[in-house]
Amino acid sequence: MNYLKISIKLGLIIMIFIGLERMPYSYYEMLRISLFLGSISLIIIDIISKNFYFIIFYFVTLVLFNPIDKIYFKRDIWHMIDTAVIGVLIITIIFDLIKIFKRK
């Protein structure tokens, strides 16, 4: 499960990082959908594995990047949000890797 979580998080980090550049609007729509679905899957994986540390972060990400009921911010605010999400996802990857190496 941890490798699946890390793979999802790395994919999301790469997509957000690409989104920091000026891209067509359709990319940002795809990014919203990907982050929405990725957050749902990370919440489900954490609930199944009884790991409740980052569920609140995933839920906030789910709400912020909701493709159905969109929240609109200026580009500068989105860049700060994207950078913060990248940072927290990197921190969660580090925690996941620590758990993996402690088991071995």
N, C-alpha and C. Protein backbone atom coordinates (compact mmCIF):
# COMPACT_ATOMS: atom_id res chain seq x y z
N MET A 1 0.81 -1.20 0.00
CA MET A 1 0.00 0.00 0.00
C MET A 1 0.86 1.26 0.00
N ASN A 2 1.98 1.21 0.74
CA ASN A 2 2.82 2.41 0.82
C ASN A 2 3.42 2.77 -0.53
N TYR A 3 3.76 1.76 -1.33
CA TYR A 3 4.33 2.05 -2.63
C TYR A 3 3.28 2.67 -3.55
N LEU A 4 2.04 2.24 -3.42
CA LEU A 4 0.96 2.84 -4.19
C LEU A 4 0.76 4.30 -3.79
N LYS A 5 0.77 4.57 -2.48
CA LYS A 5 0.64 5.94 -2.00
C LYS A 5 1.77 6.82 -2.52
N ILE A 6 2.98 6.31 -2.46
CA ILE A 6 4.13 7.10 -2.93
C ILE A 6 4.01 7.36 -4.43
N SER A 7 3.57 6.38 -5.19
CA SER A 7 3.40 6.56 -6.64
C SER A 7 2.35 7.62 -6.95
N ILE A 8 1.23 7.57 -6.23
CA ILE A 8 0.18 8.57 -6.45
C ILE A 8 0.70 9.96 -6.11
N LYS A 9 1.39 10.07 -5.00
CA LYS A 9 1.91 11.37 -4.56
C LYS A 9 2.95 11.91 -5.53
N LEU A 10 3.84 11.06 -6.03
CA LEU A 10 4.85 11.53 -6.99
C LEU A 10 4.19 12.01 -8.28
N GLY A 11 3.17 11.28 -8.74
CA GLY A 11 2.45 11.70 -9.93
C GLY A 11 1.79 13.05 -9.74
N LEU A 12 1.18 13.26 -8.57
CA LEU A 12 0.53 14.54 -8.28
C LEU A 12 1.55 15.67 -8.18
N ILE A 13 2.69 15.39 -7.56
CA ILE A 13 3.74 16.42 -7.44
C ILE A 13 4.22 16.84 -8.82
N ILE A 14 4.45 15.88 -9.70
CA ILE A 14 4.91 16.20 -11.05
C ILE A 14 3.87 17.04 -11.79
N MET A 15 2.60 16.65 -11.68
CA MET A 15 1.54 17.39 -12.37
C MET A 15 1.41 18.81 -11.82
N ILE A 16 1.49 18.97 -10.50
CA ILE A 16 1.40 20.32 -9.92
C ILE A 16 2.59 21.15 -10.34
N PHE A 17 3.78 20.54 -10.33
CA PHE A 17 4.99 21.27 -10.71
C PHE A 17 4.90 21.76 -12.15
N ILE A 18 4.39 20.93 -13.05
CA ILE A 18 4.19 21.35 -14.44
C ILE A 18 3.17 22.48 -14.50
N GLY A 19 2.14 22.40 -13.65
CA GLY A 19 1.10 23.43 -13.62
C GLY A 19 1.57 24.78 -13.12
N LEU A 20 2.75 24.85 -12.50
CA LEU A 20 3.27 26.13 -12.06
C LEU A 20 3.67 27.01 -13.24
N GLU A 21 3.96 26.40 -14.36
CA GLU A 21 4.22 27.16 -15.58
C GLU A 21 2.89 27.55 -16.21
N ARG A 22 2.93 28.47 -17.13
CA ARG A 22 1.71 28.90 -17.80
C ARG A 22 1.29 27.81 -18.79
N MET A 23 0.13 27.24 -18.51
CA MET A 23 -0.40 26.14 -19.31
C MET A 23 -1.80 26.51 -19.80
N PRO A 24 -2.31 25.79 -20.80
CA PRO A 24 -3.69 26.04 -21.23
C PRO A 24 -4.68 25.68 -20.11
N TYR A 25 -5.85 26.28 -20.16
CA TYR A 25 -6.85 26.08 -19.11
C TYR A 25 -7.25 24.61 -19.00
N SER A 26 -7.24 23.89 -20.11
CA SER A 26 -7.63 22.48 -20.08
C SER A 26 -6.67 21.67 -19.20
N TYR A 27 -5.40 22.06 -19.13
CA TYR A 27 -4.46 21.36 -18.25
C TYR A 27 -4.87 21.53 -16.79
N TYR A 28 -5.28 22.74 -16.43
CA TYR A 28 -5.67 22.98 -15.05
C TYR A 28 -6.96 22.24 -14.71
N GLU A 29 -7.83 22.06 -15.68
CA GLU A 29 -9.03 21.24 -15.45
C GLU A 29 -8.62 19.79 -15.19
N MET A 30 -7.70 19.28 -16.00
CA MET A 30 -7.21 17.92 -15.81
C MET A 30 -6.49 17.80 -14.46
N LEU A 31 -5.75 18.84 -14.09
CA LEU A 31 -5.04 18.84 -12.80
C LEU A 31 -6.03 18.80 -11.64
N ARG A 32 -7.11 19.56 -11.74
CA ARG A 32 -8.14 19.54 -10.70
C ARG A 32 -8.73 18.13 -10.54
N ILE A 33 -9.07 17.52 -11.67
CA ILE A 33 -9.66 16.18 -11.63
C ILE A 33 -8.66 15.18 -11.05
N SER A 34 -7.39 15.26 -11.47
CA SER A 34 -6.37 14.33 -10.97
C SER A 34 -6.14 14.50 -9.47
N LEU A 35 -6.05 15.74 -9.02
CA LEU A 35 -5.84 15.97 -7.59
C LEU A 35 -7.05 15.56 -6.78
N PHE A 36 -8.24 15.77 -7.33
CA PHE A 36 -9.47 15.36 -6.66
C PHE A 36 -9.49 13.84 -6.49
N LEU A 37 -9.26 13.12 -7.58
CA LEU A 37 -9.28 11.66 -7.52
C LEU A 37 -8.11 11.12 -6.71
N GLY A 38 -6.94 11.75 -6.84
CA GLY A 38 -5.78 11.33 -6.05
C GLY A 38 -6.02 11.51 -4.56
N SER A 39 -6.66 12.62 -4.17
CA SER A 39 -6.95 12.85 -2.76
C SER A 39 -7.96 11.83 -2.23
N ILE A 40 -8.97 11.52 -3.05
CA ILE A 40 -9.94 10.50 -2.64
C ILE A 40 -9.24 9.16 -2.43
N SER A 41 -8.37 8.79 -3.37
CA SER A 41 -7.70 7.49 -3.23
C SER A 41 -6.75 7.48 -2.03
N LEU A 42 -6.07 8.59 -1.75
CA LEU A 42 -5.18 8.63 -0.59
C LEU A 42 -5.98 8.57 0.71
N ILE A 43 -7.14 9.20 0.75
CA ILE A 43 -8.00 9.12 1.94
C ILE A 43 -8.45 7.68 2.16
N ILE A 44 -8.88 7.02 1.09
CA ILE A 44 -9.34 5.64 1.21
C ILE A 44 -8.21 4.72 1.67
N ILE A 45 -7.04 4.88 1.07
CA ILE A 45 -5.89 4.05 1.45
C ILE A 45 -5.54 4.27 2.92
N ASP A 46 -5.55 5.52 3.38
CA ASP A 46 -5.21 5.79 4.78
C ASP A 46 -6.27 5.26 5.73
N ILE A 47 -7.54 5.33 5.35
CA ILE A 47 -8.58 4.78 6.21
C ILE A 47 -8.44 3.26 6.31
N ILE A 48 -8.19 2.60 5.19
CA ILE A 48 -8.03 1.15 5.19
C ILE A 48 -6.83 0.73 6.05
N SER A 49 -5.72 1.47 5.93
CA SER A 49 -4.53 1.11 6.69
C SER A 49 -4.52 1.72 8.10
N LYS A 50 -5.62 2.37 8.49
CA LYS A 50 -5.76 2.97 9.83
C LYS A 50 -4.63 3.96 10.13
N ASN A 51 -4.31 4.76 9.13
CA ASN A 51 -3.27 5.78 9.25
C ASN A 51 -3.95 7.13 9.07
N PHE A 52 -4.26 7.80 10.17
CA PHE A 52 -5.11 8.99 10.12
C PHE A 52 -4.34 10.30 10.22
N TYR A 53 -3.03 10.28 10.04
CA TYR A 53 -2.22 11.47 10.25
C TYR A 53 -2.48 12.57 9.23
N PHE A 54 -2.59 12.23 7.97
CA PHE A 54 -2.66 13.25 6.92
C PHE A 54 -4.03 13.32 6.24
N ILE A 55 -5.05 12.70 6.81
CA ILE A 55 -6.36 12.70 6.18
C ILE A 55 -6.93 14.11 6.09
N ILE A 56 -6.69 14.94 7.08
CA ILE A 56 -7.20 16.32 7.03
C ILE A 56 -6.57 17.08 5.87
N PHE A 57 -5.26 16.89 5.66
CA PHE A 57 -4.61 17.55 4.52
C PHE A 57 -5.20 17.07 3.20
N TYR A 58 -5.42 15.76 3.08
CA TYR A 58 -5.99 15.23 1.84
C TYR A 58 -7.41 15.76 1.63
N PHE A 59 -8.16 15.91 2.72
CA PHE A 59 -9.52 16.43 2.60
C PHE A 59 -9.51 17.89 2.17
N VAL A 60 -8.60 18.69 2.72
CA VAL A 60 -8.48 20.10 2.31
C VAL A 60 -8.09 20.18 0.84
N THR A 61 -7.17 19.33 0.42
CA THR A 61 -6.78 19.27 -0.99
C THR A 61 -7.97 18.87 -1.86
N LEU A 62 -8.76 17.93 -1.38
CA LEU A 62 -9.96 17.49 -2.09
C LEU A 62 -10.93 18.66 -2.29
N VAL A 63 -11.12 19.46 -1.27
CA VAL A 63 -12.05 20.60 -1.36
C VAL A 63 -11.48 21.69 -2.25
N LEU A 64 -10.20 22.01 -2.10
CA LEU A 64 -9.58 23.08 -2.89
C LEU A 64 -9.59 22.78 -4.39
N PHE A 65 -9.34 21.54 -4.74
CA PHE A 65 -9.21 21.18 -6.15
C PHE A 65 -10.45 20.46 -6.68
N ASN A 66 -11.58 20.69 -6.03
CA ASN A 66 -12.84 20.08 -6.45
C ASN A 66 -13.21 20.57 -7.86
N PRO A 67 -13.34 19.66 -8.84
CA PRO A 67 -13.65 20.10 -10.21
C PRO A 67 -15.13 20.42 -10.42
N ILE A 68 -15.99 20.04 -9.50
CA ILE A 68 -17.42 20.26 -9.66
C ILE A 68 -17.82 21.64 -9.14
N ASP A 69 -17.48 21.92 -7.89
CA ASP A 69 -17.78 23.21 -7.27
C ASP A 69 -16.46 23.94 -7.07
N LYS A 70 -16.03 24.66 -8.09
CA LYS A 70 -14.68 25.23 -8.13
C LYS A 70 -14.53 26.41 -7.18
N ILE A 71 -13.33 26.51 -6.63
CA ILE A 71 -12.94 27.67 -5.83
C ILE A 71 -11.98 28.47 -6.69
N TYR A 72 -12.26 29.75 -6.84
CA TYR A 72 -11.45 30.60 -7.72
C TYR A 72 -10.55 31.50 -6.89
N PHE A 73 -9.27 31.49 -7.25
CA PHE A 73 -8.27 32.38 -6.68
C PHE A 73 -7.50 33.01 -7.83
N LYS A 74 -6.75 34.08 -7.52
CA LYS A 74 -5.85 34.65 -8.52
C LYS A 74 -4.67 33.71 -8.72
N ARG A 75 -3.99 33.89 -9.82
CA ARG A 75 -2.87 33.01 -10.18
C ARG A 75 -1.80 32.98 -9.09
N ASP A 76 -1.49 34.13 -8.48
CA ASP A 76 -0.46 34.17 -7.44
C ASP A 76 -0.85 33.32 -6.23
N ILE A 77 -2.11 33.38 -5.85
CA ILE A 77 -2.58 32.59 -4.71
C ILE A 77 -2.50 31.10 -5.05
N TRP A 78 -2.90 30.74 -6.28
CA TRP A 78 -2.83 29.32 -6.69
C TRP A 78 -1.38 28.83 -6.67
N HIS A 79 -0.46 29.68 -7.07
CA HIS A 79 0.96 29.26 -7.05
C HIS A 79 1.42 28.98 -5.62
N MET A 80 0.98 29.81 -4.66
CA MET A 80 1.34 29.57 -3.27
C MET A 80 0.69 28.28 -2.76
N ILE A 81 -0.58 28.07 -3.11
CA ILE A 81 -1.27 26.84 -2.70
C ILE A 81 -0.59 25.63 -3.31
N ASP A 82 -0.27 25.70 -4.61
CA ASP A 82 0.39 24.58 -5.28
C ASP A 82 1.74 24.27 -4.65
N THR A 83 2.50 25.31 -4.33
CA THR A 83 3.80 25.11 -3.71
C THR A 83 3.65 24.47 -2.32
N ALA A 84 2.65 24.91 -1.56
CA ALA A 84 2.42 24.33 -0.24
C ALA A 84 2.00 22.86 -0.36
N VAL A 85 1.15 22.55 -1.33
CA VAL A 85 0.71 21.17 -1.53
C VAL A 85 1.89 20.30 -1.92
N ILE A 86 2.76 20.80 -2.81
CA ILE A 86 3.96 20.05 -3.18
C ILE A 86 4.81 19.78 -1.94
N GLY A 87 5.01 20.80 -1.11
CA GLY A 87 5.83 20.64 0.09
C GLY A 87 5.26 19.61 1.05
N VAL A 88 3.96 19.67 1.29
CA VAL A 88 3.34 18.71 2.22
C VAL A 88 3.37 17.31 1.63
N LEU A 89 3.15 17.18 0.32
CA LEU A 89 3.21 15.85 -0.29
C LEU A 89 4.62 15.26 -0.18
N ILE A 90 5.64 16.08 -0.33
CA ILE A 90 7.01 15.61 -0.17
C ILE A 90 7.24 15.14 1.28
N ILE A 91 6.72 15.90 2.24
CA ILE A 91 6.84 15.50 3.65
C ILE A 91 6.14 14.17 3.90
N THR A 92 4.95 13.99 3.31
CA THR A 92 4.24 12.72 3.51
C THR A 92 4.97 11.56 2.85
N ILE A 93 5.63 11.82 1.73
CA ILE A 93 6.43 10.76 1.09
C ILE A 93 7.59 10.37 2.00
N ILE A 94 8.21 11.35 2.63
CA ILE A 94 9.31 11.05 3.56
C ILE A 94 8.81 10.19 4.71
N PHE A 95 7.63 10.53 5.26
CA PHE A 95 7.06 9.71 6.34
C PHE A 95 6.78 8.29 5.85
N ASP A 96 6.24 8.16 4.64
CA ASP A 96 5.96 6.83 4.10
C ASP A 96 7.25 6.03 3.92
N LEU A 97 8.30 6.67 3.43
CA LEU A 97 9.58 5.97 3.25
C LEU A 97 10.18 5.56 4.59
N ILE A 98 10.05 6.40 5.60
CA ILE A 98 10.54 6.04 6.93
C ILE A 98 9.81 4.80 7.45
N LYS A 99 8.49 4.76 7.25
CA LYS A 99 7.72 3.58 7.67
C LYS A 99 8.18 2.32 6.95
N ILE A 100 8.44 2.45 5.64
CA ILE A 100 8.88 1.29 4.87
C ILE A 100 10.21 0.77 5.37
N PHE A 101 11.17 1.69 5.62
CA PHE A 101 12.50 1.26 6.04
C PHE A 101 12.53 0.78 7.48
N LYS A 102 11.60 1.25 8.32
CA LYS A 102 11.54 0.73 9.70
C LYS A 102 11.04 -0.70 9.74
N ARG A 103 10.18 -1.08 8.78
CA ARG A 103 9.66 -2.45 8.75
C ARG A 103 10.72 -3.45 8.36
N LYS A 104 11.72 -3.01 7.58
CA LYS A 104 12.73 -3.94 7.07
C LYS A 104 13.83 -4.16 8.06
